[in-house]
Amino acid sequence: MKVLIIEDEPKTVQSLKKGLEEHQMSVDFAYDGGTGRQLAERGAYDVIISDVIVPEMNGFELVRHLRRAGVLTPVLLLTALGATDDKVTGFEAGADDYLVKPFEFKELLVRVRALARRGKEGATPKTLLTFADLEMNLDAKTCARSSKKIDLTPKEFALMEYLIRNQGRVVSKAEIAEKVWDINFDTGTNVIEVYVSYLRNKLDRPFDRKLIHTVFGLGYVLKEEE
């Protein structure tokens, strides 16, 4: 079993890591929500354990982002916030379970194992990605905006899929080169700018709202215009 821990208290991280590894689990960890989100999207985890109050992106925001990005890994939220409203917020965000601090490690272990079983029994890959009025069907390899079909080449489709999976986050040209083109970024080439331009011509220019935005000096981000 592979588990991801997202927690900003090093002692808590090491305690949980040690306990889970003693029960033959492989453990990765992150001290902030931003790093945790990246690991969650890139790694095939059986369960994600996240504190609610962590830097950069809190647990509620993290779960919402992962669910929108199609990551269905079961998430157990850990928190000192024990009010019913906080639990409801967590579940509505897409969390699968909620454990209030302080807790016994035995209880956490039981819940982690139960979530891992549930994830394996009910796991079905998400084939439909959505953002605003944009929709991508990964099985049919189709893309539509406001129900209007948009024809994309395989590389355009791959780039758009990466942007929609990372919606709201600025992705650099180097990251796109590595994740979409599977190459090291060559600063002397403008291939990424060219393909972003292709996407804009097809996905943005025919519509009132622009979704693909340039962040000068940093990269690109998929977001709705304010």
C-alpha atoms as a PDB file:
ATOM      1  CA  MET A   1       0.000   0.000   0.000  1.00  0.00           C
ATOM      2  CA  LYS A   2       1.266   3.476  -0.894  1.00  0.00           C
ATOM      3  CA  VAL A   3       0.263   6.438   1.277  1.00  0.00           C
ATOM      4  CA  LEU A   4       0.809  10.187   0.936  1.00  0.00           C
ATOM      5  CA  ILE A   5       0.930  12.320   4.107  1.00  0.00           C
ATOM      6  CA  ILE A   6       0.416  16.097   3.860  1.00  0.00           C
ATOM      7  CA  GLU A   7       1.168  17.703   7.221  1.00  0.00           C
ATOM      8  CA  ASP A   8       3.222  20.737   8.284  1.00  0.00           C
ATOM      9  CA  GLU A   9       4.300  19.381  11.690  1.00  0.00           C
ATOM     10  CA  PRO A  10       7.541  17.401  11.156  1.00  0.00           C
ATOM     11  CA  LYS A  11       7.095  15.370  14.370  1.00  0.00           C
ATOM     12  CA  THR A  12       3.597  14.303  13.331  1.00  0.00           C
ATOM     13  CA  VAL A  13       4.840  13.390   9.858  1.00  0.00           C
ATOM     14  CA  GLN A  14       7.681  11.258  11.205  1.00  0.00           C
ATOM     15  CA  SER A  15       5.421   9.553  13.755  1.00  0.00           C
ATOM     16  CA  LEU A  16       2.795   8.659  11.151  1.00  0.00           C
ATOM     17  CA  LYS A  17       5.439   7.635   8.615  1.00  0.00           C
ATOM     18  CA  LYS A  18       7.142   5.336  11.113  1.00  0.00           C
ATOM     19  CA  GLY A  19       3.863   3.759  12.200  1.00  0.00           C
ATOM     20  CA  LEU A  20       2.604   3.145   8.670  1.00  0.00           C
ATOM     21  CA  GLU A  21       5.949   1.760   7.481  1.00  0.00           C
ATOM     22  CA  GLU A  22       5.898  -0.686  10.394  1.00  0.00           C
ATOM     23  CA  HIS A  23       2.695  -2.014   8.824  1.00  0.00           C
ATOM     24  CA  GLN A  24       4.363  -2.562   5.434  1.00  0.00           C
ATOM     25  CA  MET A  25       3.146   0.653   3.822  1.00  0.00           C
ATOM     26  CA  SER A  26       5.209   2.870   1.524  1.00  0.00           C
ATOM     27  CA  VAL A  27       4.983   6.516   2.590  1.00  0.00           C
ATOM     28  CA  ASP A  28       5.661   9.835   0.839  1.00  0.00           C
ATOM     29  CA  PHE A  29       5.083  13.151   2.566  1.00  0.00           C
ATOM     30  CA  ALA A  30       4.827  16.896   1.989  1.00  0.00           C
ATOM     31  CA  TYR A  31       4.868  19.793   4.433  1.00  0.00           C
ATOM     32  CA  ASP A  32       2.507  22.024   2.425  1.00  0.00           C
ATOM     33  CA  GLY A  33      -0.610  21.682   0.309  1.00  0.00           C
ATOM     34  CA  GLY A  34       0.992  22.847  -2.922  1.00  0.00           C
ATOM     35  CA  THR A  35       3.704  20.184  -2.865  1.00  0.00           C
ATOM     36  CA  GLY A  36       1.176  17.619  -1.678  1.00  0.00           C
ATOM     37  CA  ARG A  37      -1.095  18.393  -4.600  1.00  0.00           C
ATOM     38  CA  GLN A  38       1.739  17.884  -7.080  1.00  0.00           C
ATOM     39  CA  LEU A  39       2.675  14.540  -5.504  1.00  0.00           C
ATOM     40  CA  ALA A  40      -0.975  13.448  -5.423  1.00  0.00           C
ATOM     41  CA  GLU A  41      -1.377  14.189  -9.132  1.00  0.00           C
ATOM     42  CA  ARG A  42       1.844  12.462 -10.136  1.00  0.00           C
ATOM     43  CA  GLY A  43       1.913   9.449  -7.829  1.00  0.00           C
ATOM     44  CA  ALA A  44      -0.397   6.426  -7.721  1.00  0.00           C
ATOM     45  CA  TYR A  45      -1.385   6.437  -4.038  1.00  0.00           C
ATOM     46  CA  ASP A  46      -3.864   4.148  -2.320  1.00  0.00           C
ATOM     47  CA  VAL A  47      -4.729   6.734   0.345  1.00  0.00           C
ATOM     48  CA  ILE A  48      -3.937  10.405   0.987  1.00  0.00           C
ATOM     49  CA  ILE A  49      -3.798  11.650   4.591  1.00  0.00           C
ATOM     50  CA  SER A  50      -3.921  15.440   4.833  1.00  0.00           C
ATOM     51  CA  ASP A  51      -4.164  17.910   7.663  1.00  0.00           C
ATOM     52  CA  VAL A  52      -6.723  20.640   6.986  1.00  0.00           C
ATOM     53  CA  ILE A  53      -4.560  23.565   8.109  1.00  0.00           C
ATOM     54  CA  VAL A  54      -1.389  23.421   6.001  1.00  0.00           C
ATOM     55  CA  PRO A  55       0.490  26.188   4.129  1.00  0.00           C
ATOM     56  CA  GLU A  56      -0.137  27.224   0.504  1.00  0.00           C
ATOM     57  CA  MET A  57      -3.324  25.186   0.000  1.00  0.00           C
ATOM     58  CA  ASN A  58      -5.452  23.963   2.901  1.00  0.00           C
ATOM     59  CA  GLY A  59      -6.938  20.491   3.012  1.00  0.00           C
ATOM     60  CA  PHE A  60     -10.379  21.550   1.792  1.00  0.00           C
ATOM     61  CA  GLU A  61      -8.888  23.363  -1.217  1.00  0.00           C
ATOM     62  CA  LEU A  62      -6.587  20.421  -1.904  1.00  0.00           C
ATOM     63  CA  VAL A  63      -9.425  17.904  -2.055  1.00  0.00           C
ATOM     64  CA  ARG A  64     -11.537  20.157  -4.282  1.00  0.00           C
ATOM     65  CA  HIS A  65      -8.630  20.600  -6.692  1.00  0.00           C
ATOM     66  CA  LEU A  66      -7.834  16.874  -6.822  1.00  0.00           C
ATOM     67  CA  ARG A  67     -11.451  15.933  -7.513  1.00  0.00           C
ATOM     68  CA  ARG A  68     -11.750  18.533 -10.269  1.00  0.00           C
ATOM     69  CA  ALA A  69      -8.516  17.205 -11.760  1.00  0.00           C
ATOM     70  CA  GLY A  70      -9.884  13.663 -11.816  1.00  0.00           C
ATOM     71  CA  VAL A  71      -7.797  12.282  -8.930  1.00  0.00           C
ATOM     72  CA  LEU A  72     -10.090   9.813  -7.157  1.00  0.00           C
ATOM     73  CA  THR A  73      -7.658   8.589  -4.480  1.00  0.00           C
ATOM     74  CA  PRO A  74      -9.437   8.291  -1.095  1.00  0.00           C
ATOM     75  CA  VAL A  75      -8.586  11.235   1.188  1.00  0.00           C
ATOM     76  CA  LEU A  76      -8.570  11.174   4.996  1.00  0.00           C
ATOM     77  CA  LEU A  77      -8.549  14.655   6.534  1.00  0.00           C
ATOM     78  CA  LEU A  78      -6.848  15.185   9.883  1.00  0.00           C
ATOM     79  CA  THR A  79      -7.727  18.264  11.863  1.00  0.00           C
ATOM     80  CA  ALA A  80      -8.207  19.890  15.233  1.00  0.00           C
ATOM     81  CA  LEU A  81     -11.425  21.362  13.809  1.00  0.00           C
ATOM     82  CA  GLY A  82     -14.069  19.038  15.183  1.00  0.00           C
ATOM     83  CA  ALA A  83     -17.218  21.060  14.599  1.00  0.00           C
ATOM     84  CA  THR A  84     -19.940  19.463  12.497  1.00  0.00           C
ATOM     85  CA  ASP A  85     -19.808  22.320   9.982  1.00  0.00           C
ATOM     86  CA  ASP A  86     -16.084  21.688   9.435  1.00  0.00           C
ATOM     87  CA  LYS A  87     -16.732  18.001   8.818  1.00  0.00           C
ATOM     88  CA  VAL A  88     -19.518  18.823   6.378  1.00  0.00           C
ATOM     89  CA  THR A  89     -17.183  21.204   4.541  1.00  0.00           C
ATOM     90  CA  GLY A  90     -14.604  18.446   4.251  1.00  0.00           C
ATOM     91  CA  PHE A  91     -17.044  15.863   2.932  1.00  0.00           C
ATOM     92  CA  GLU A  92     -18.622  18.299   0.490  1.00  0.00           C
ATOM     93  CA  ALA A  93     -15.152  19.149  -0.805  1.00  0.00           C
ATOM     94  CA  GLY A  94     -14.720  15.478  -1.701  1.00  0.00           C
ATOM     95  CA  ALA A  95     -12.977  13.969   1.325  1.00  0.00           C
ATOM     96  CA  ASP A  96     -13.753  10.332   2.153  1.00  0.00           C
ATOM     97  CA  ASP A  97     -13.138  10.356   5.894  1.00  0.00           C
ATOM     98  CA  TYR A  98     -12.410  12.775   8.717  1.00  0.00           C
ATOM     99  CA  LEU A  99     -10.361  12.181  11.885  1.00  0.00           C
ATOM    100  CA  VAL A 100     -10.207  14.769  14.676  1.00  0.00           C
ATOM    101  CA  LYS A 101      -6.959  15.360  16.559  1.00  0.00           C
ATOM    102  CA  PRO A 102      -5.823  14.009  18.929  1.00  0.00           C
ATOM    103  CA  PHE A 103      -6.421  10.449  17.746  1.00  0.00           C
ATOM    104  CA  GLU A 104      -5.097   6.971  18.414  1.00  0.00           C
ATOM    105  CA  PHE A 105      -2.794   5.600  15.711  1.00  0.00           C
ATOM    106  CA  LYS A 106      -4.735   2.316  15.766  1.00  0.00           C
ATOM    107  CA  GLU A 107      -7.883   4.156  14.704  1.00  0.00           C
ATOM    108  CA  LEU A 108      -6.061   5.932  11.888  1.00  0.00           C
ATOM    109  CA  LEU A 109      -4.608   2.622  10.708  1.00  0.00           C
ATOM    110  CA  VAL A 110      -8.054   0.988  10.586  1.00  0.00           C
ATOM    111  CA  ARG A 111      -9.469   3.913   8.619  1.00  0.00           C
ATOM    112  CA  VAL A 112      -6.553   3.982   6.168  1.00  0.00           C
ATOM    113  CA  ARG A 113      -6.945   0.269   5.442  1.00  0.00           C
ATOM    114  CA  ALA A 114     -10.711   0.652   4.996  1.00  0.00           C
ATOM    115  CA  LEU A 115     -10.240   3.561   2.583  1.00  0.00           C
ATOM    116  CA  ALA A 116      -7.640   1.610   0.595  1.00  0.00           C
ATOM    117  CA  ARG A 117     -10.067  -1.313   0.210  1.00  0.00           C
ATOM    118  CA  ARG A 118     -12.895   1.027  -0.773  1.00  0.00           C
ATOM    119  CA  GLY A 119     -10.661   2.738  -3.321  1.00  0.00           C
ATOM    120  CA  LYS A 120      -9.688  -0.548  -4.965  1.00  0.00           C
ATOM    121  CA  GLU A 121     -13.258  -1.823  -5.062  1.00  0.00           C
ATOM    122  CA  GLY A 122     -14.767   1.335  -6.456  1.00  0.00           C
ATOM    123  CA  ALA A 123     -11.937   2.820  -8.478  1.00  0.00           C
ATOM    124  CA  THR A 124     -12.937   3.810 -11.956  1.00  0.00           C
ATOM    125  CA  PRO A 125     -10.715   6.127 -13.932  1.00  0.00           C
ATOM    126  CA  LYS A 126     -12.220   9.533 -14.595  1.00  0.00           C
ATOM    127  CA  THR A 127     -12.562   9.984 -18.321  1.00  0.00           C
ATOM    128  CA  LEU A 128     -14.383  13.310 -18.330  1.00  0.00           C
ATOM    129  CA  LEU A 129     -12.500  16.483 -17.384  1.00  0.00           C
ATOM    130  CA  THR A 130     -14.321  19.785 -17.077  1.00  0.00           C
ATOM    131  CA  PHE A 131     -13.490  23.422 -16.446  1.00  0.00           C
ATOM    132  CA  ALA A 132     -15.962  26.294 -16.820  1.00  0.00           C
ATOM    133  CA  ASP A 133     -17.812  25.472 -20.083  1.00  0.00           C
ATOM    134  CA  LEU A 134     -14.938  23.320 -21.382  1.00  0.00           C
ATOM    135  CA  GLU A 135     -15.259  19.539 -21.455  1.00  0.00           C
ATOM    136  CA  MET A 136     -12.758  16.838 -22.454  1.00  0.00           C
ATOM    137  CA  ASN A 137     -13.585  13.167 -22.901  1.00  0.00           C
ATOM    138  CA  LEU A 138     -10.359  11.202 -22.511  1.00  0.00           C
ATOM    139  CA  ASP A 139     -11.801   7.944 -23.864  1.00  0.00           C
ATOM    140  CA  ALA A 140     -13.387   9.409 -26.974  1.00  0.00           C
ATOM    141  CA  LYS A 141     -10.541  11.964 -27.338  1.00  0.00           C
ATOM    142  CA  THR A 142     -13.085  14.720 -27.864  1.00  0.00           C
ATOM    143  CA  CYS A 143     -13.134  18.316 -26.701  1.00  0.00           C
ATOM    144  CA  ALA A 144     -16.035  20.758 -26.572  1.00  0.00           C
ATOM    145  CA  ARG A 145     -16.713  24.235 -25.269  1.00  0.00           C
ATOM    146  CA  SER A 146     -20.261  25.423 -24.629  1.00  0.00           C
ATOM    147  CA  SER A 147     -21.294  22.115 -26.257  1.00  0.00           C
ATOM    148  CA  LYS A 148     -19.504  23.108 -29.473  1.00  0.00           C
ATOM    149  CA  LYS A 149     -17.133  20.388 -30.661  1.00  0.00           C
ATOM    150  CA  ILE A 150     -13.514  21.470 -31.109  1.00  0.00           C
ATOM    151  CA  ASP A 151     -11.109  19.398 -33.173  1.00  0.00           C
ATOM    152  CA  LEU A 152      -7.647  19.068 -31.617  1.00  0.00           C
ATOM    153  CA  THR A 153      -4.530  17.299 -32.862  1.00  0.00           C
ATOM    154  CA  PRO A 154      -3.090  14.629 -30.515  1.00  0.00           C
ATOM    155  CA  LYS A 155      -0.429  17.016 -29.177  1.00  0.00           C
ATOM    156  CA  GLU A 156      -2.937  19.849 -28.741  1.00  0.00           C
ATOM    157  CA  PHE A 157      -5.203  17.434 -26.874  1.00  0.00           C
ATOM    158  CA  ALA A 158      -2.338  16.344 -24.594  1.00  0.00           C
ATOM    159  CA  LEU A 159      -1.424  19.958 -23.829  1.00  0.00           C
ATOM    160  CA  MET A 160      -5.034  20.888 -23.108  1.00  0.00           C
ATOM    161  CA  GLU A 161      -5.445  17.847 -20.875  1.00  0.00           C
ATOM    162  CA  TYR A 162      -2.385  18.895 -18.864  1.00  0.00           C
ATOM    163  CA  LEU A 163      -3.685  22.438 -18.468  1.00  0.00           C
ATOM    164  CA  ILE A 164      -7.123  21.299 -17.346  1.00  0.00           C
ATOM    165  CA  ARG A 165      -5.649  18.821 -14.860  1.00  0.00           C
ATOM    166  CA  ASN A 166      -3.635  21.712 -13.411  1.00  0.00           C
ATOM    167  CA  GLN A 167      -6.394  24.308 -13.620  1.00  0.00           C
ATOM    168  CA  GLY A 168      -5.760  27.373 -11.486  1.00  0.00           C
ATOM    169  CA  ARG A 169      -2.028  26.649 -11.212  1.00  0.00           C
ATOM    170  CA  VAL A 170       0.676  28.358 -13.249  1.00  0.00           C
ATOM    171  CA  VAL A 171       2.638  25.767 -15.232  1.00  0.00           C
ATOM    172  CA  SER A 172       6.025  26.696 -16.654  1.00  0.00           C
ATOM    173  CA  LYS A 173       7.279  26.002 -20.153  1.00  0.00           C
ATOM    174  CA  ALA A 174       9.875  23.644 -18.677  1.00  0.00           C
ATOM    175  CA  GLU A 175       7.162  21.661 -16.890  1.00  0.00           C
ATOM    176  CA  ILE A 176       5.047  21.459 -20.044  1.00  0.00           C
ATOM    177  CA  ALA A 177       8.058  20.318 -22.044  1.00  0.00           C
ATOM    178  CA  GLU A 178       8.760  17.560 -19.546  1.00  0.00           C
ATOM    179  CA  LYS A 179       5.198  16.383 -18.916  1.00  0.00           C
ATOM    180  CA  VAL A 180       3.632  16.807 -22.370  1.00  0.00           C
ATOM    181  CA  TRP A 181       6.584  16.552 -24.761  1.00  0.00           C
ATOM    182  CA  ASP A 182       8.733  14.327 -22.533  1.00  0.00           C
ATOM    183  CA  ILE A 183      11.811  16.433 -23.287  1.00  0.00           C
ATOM    184  CA  ASN A 184      14.098  18.874 -21.496  1.00  0.00           C
ATOM    185  CA  PHE A 185      13.045  22.434 -22.241  1.00  0.00           C
ATOM    186  CA  ASP A 186      15.159  24.139 -24.895  1.00  0.00           C
ATOM    187  CA  THR A 187      15.050  27.903 -24.343  1.00  0.00           C
ATOM    188  CA  GLY A 188      15.840  28.385 -28.019  1.00  0.00           C
ATOM    189  CA  THR A 189      12.590  26.856 -29.242  1.00  0.00           C
ATOM    190  CA  ASN A 190       9.134  28.389 -29.317  1.00  0.00           C
ATOM    191  CA  VAL A 191       7.219  25.152 -29.874  1.00  0.00           C
ATOM    192  CA  ILE A 192       5.251  25.546 -26.635  1.00  0.00           C
ATOM    193  CA  GLU A 193       4.231  29.124 -27.465  1.00  0.00           C
ATOM    194  CA  VAL A 194       3.137  27.912 -30.881  1.00  0.00           C
ATOM    195  CA  TYR A 195       0.925  25.166 -29.468  1.00  0.00           C
ATOM    196  CA  VAL A 196      -0.553  27.471 -26.831  1.00  0.00           C
ATOM    197  CA  SER A 197      -1.399  29.830 -29.687  1.00  0.00           C
ATOM    198  CA  TYR A 198      -3.069  26.955 -31.555  1.00  0.00           C
ATOM    199  CA  LEU A 199      -5.202  26.191 -28.487  1.00  0.00           C
ATOM    200  CA  ARG A 200      -6.155  29.826 -28.039  1.00  0.00           C
ATOM    201  CA  ASN A 201      -7.264  30.074 -31.659  1.00  0.00           C
ATOM    202  CA  LYS A 202      -9.542  27.076 -31.204  1.00  0.00           C
ATOM    203  CA  LEU A 203     -10.662  27.351 -27.582  1.00  0.00           C
ATOM    204  CA  ASP A 204     -10.578  31.040 -26.677  1.00  0.00           C
ATOM    205  CA  ARG A 205     -10.934  33.351 -29.658  1.00  0.00           C
ATOM    206  CA  PRO A 206     -14.392  32.103 -30.759  1.00  0.00           C
ATOM    207  CA  PHE A 207     -15.766  32.693 -27.248  1.00  0.00           C
ATOM    208  CA  ASP A 208     -16.369  35.696 -25.011  1.00  0.00           C
ATOM    209  CA  ARG A 209     -14.501  34.399 -21.960  1.00  0.00           C
ATOM    210  CA  LYS A 210     -10.808  33.594 -22.203  1.00  0.00           C
ATOM    211  CA  LEU A 211      -9.549  30.565 -20.286  1.00  0.00           C
ATOM    212  CA  ILE A 212      -5.844  30.279 -21.210  1.00  0.00           C
ATOM    213  CA  HIS A 213      -3.775  33.074 -19.669  1.00  0.00           C
ATOM    214  CA  THR A 214      -0.079  33.956 -19.835  1.00  0.00           C
ATOM    215  CA  VAL A 215       1.694  34.818 -16.582  1.00  0.00           C
ATOM    216  CA  PHE A 216       4.670  36.862 -17.751  1.00  0.00           C
ATOM    217  CA  GLY A 217       7.995  35.221 -16.937  1.00  0.00           C
ATOM    218  CA  LEU A 218       6.341  32.196 -15.295  1.00  0.00           C
ATOM    219  CA  GLY A 219       4.185  30.274 -17.771  1.00  0.00           C
ATOM    220  CA  TYR A 220       0.506  29.632 -18.415  1.00  0.00           C
ATOM    221  CA  VAL A 221      -2.589  29.114 -16.292  1.00  0.00           C
ATOM    222  CA  LEU A 222      -6.097  27.886 -17.053  1.00  0.00           C
ATOM    223  CA  LYS A 223      -8.541  30.134 -15.205  1.00  0.00           C
ATOM    224  CA  GLU A 224     -11.699  32.125 -15.778  1.00  0.00           C
ATOM    225  CA  GLU A 225     -11.396  35.826 -16.386  1.00  0.00           C
ATOM    226  CA  GLU A 226     -12.234  37.946 -13.343  1.00  0.00           C
END
